[in-house]
Amino acid sequence: MRCPKCLADDTKVIDSREAEEGTTIRRRRSCVACTHRFTTYERAEEVPLTVVKSNGQREPFDRSKLVAGVTAACKGRPVTTEQIDHLGEAVEDEVRLQGPEVPAQLIGVEVLDRLRRLDEVAYLRFASVYKGFDAAADFQRELVLLKKLQES
């Protein structure tokens, strides 16, 4: 690490501590050449997550977009904003494990799986948009599937 005062590249770490709830390491440093003391912060670099749509188009993952869709599905339901935010975070964490590019379909399946456990009505609302329901039979088929999942 270069000294910000004299630009020497020989510095030593005097103290290291966790910062920002453990997501960052704060290091107190001293320049060997001029004895200037300064602080640096070290964070893990996040690899951008890219969503691959069914038509092959790619776009950056946007958790707020996911949360907005789930919020719409949960309108009027006994689901808190905190639960929705937690769902969005859990889905993002899960799909990040798949690599830097993730199919949109996988994101939808992860949302549906978590939403089913959170609120069945919100699950059906989300499923109706995600799966493109266009008839009452689609809802009926999904209800049968939901019932089977509850029994297992």
Foldseek 3Di string as FASTA:
>chain_A
DADPPPRDPDKDWDDWDAPPVRQKIKTWIAHPPPRDIDIDIDGDDDQWAWEQEPVRDIDTDDLVVVLVLLCVLCVPHPDDSVNSVVLSVVLVVVQVVVDRYDYPVSSLVSSLVSVLVVDVSSSLSSCCVVVVDDDVVVSVVVVVVSVVVVVD
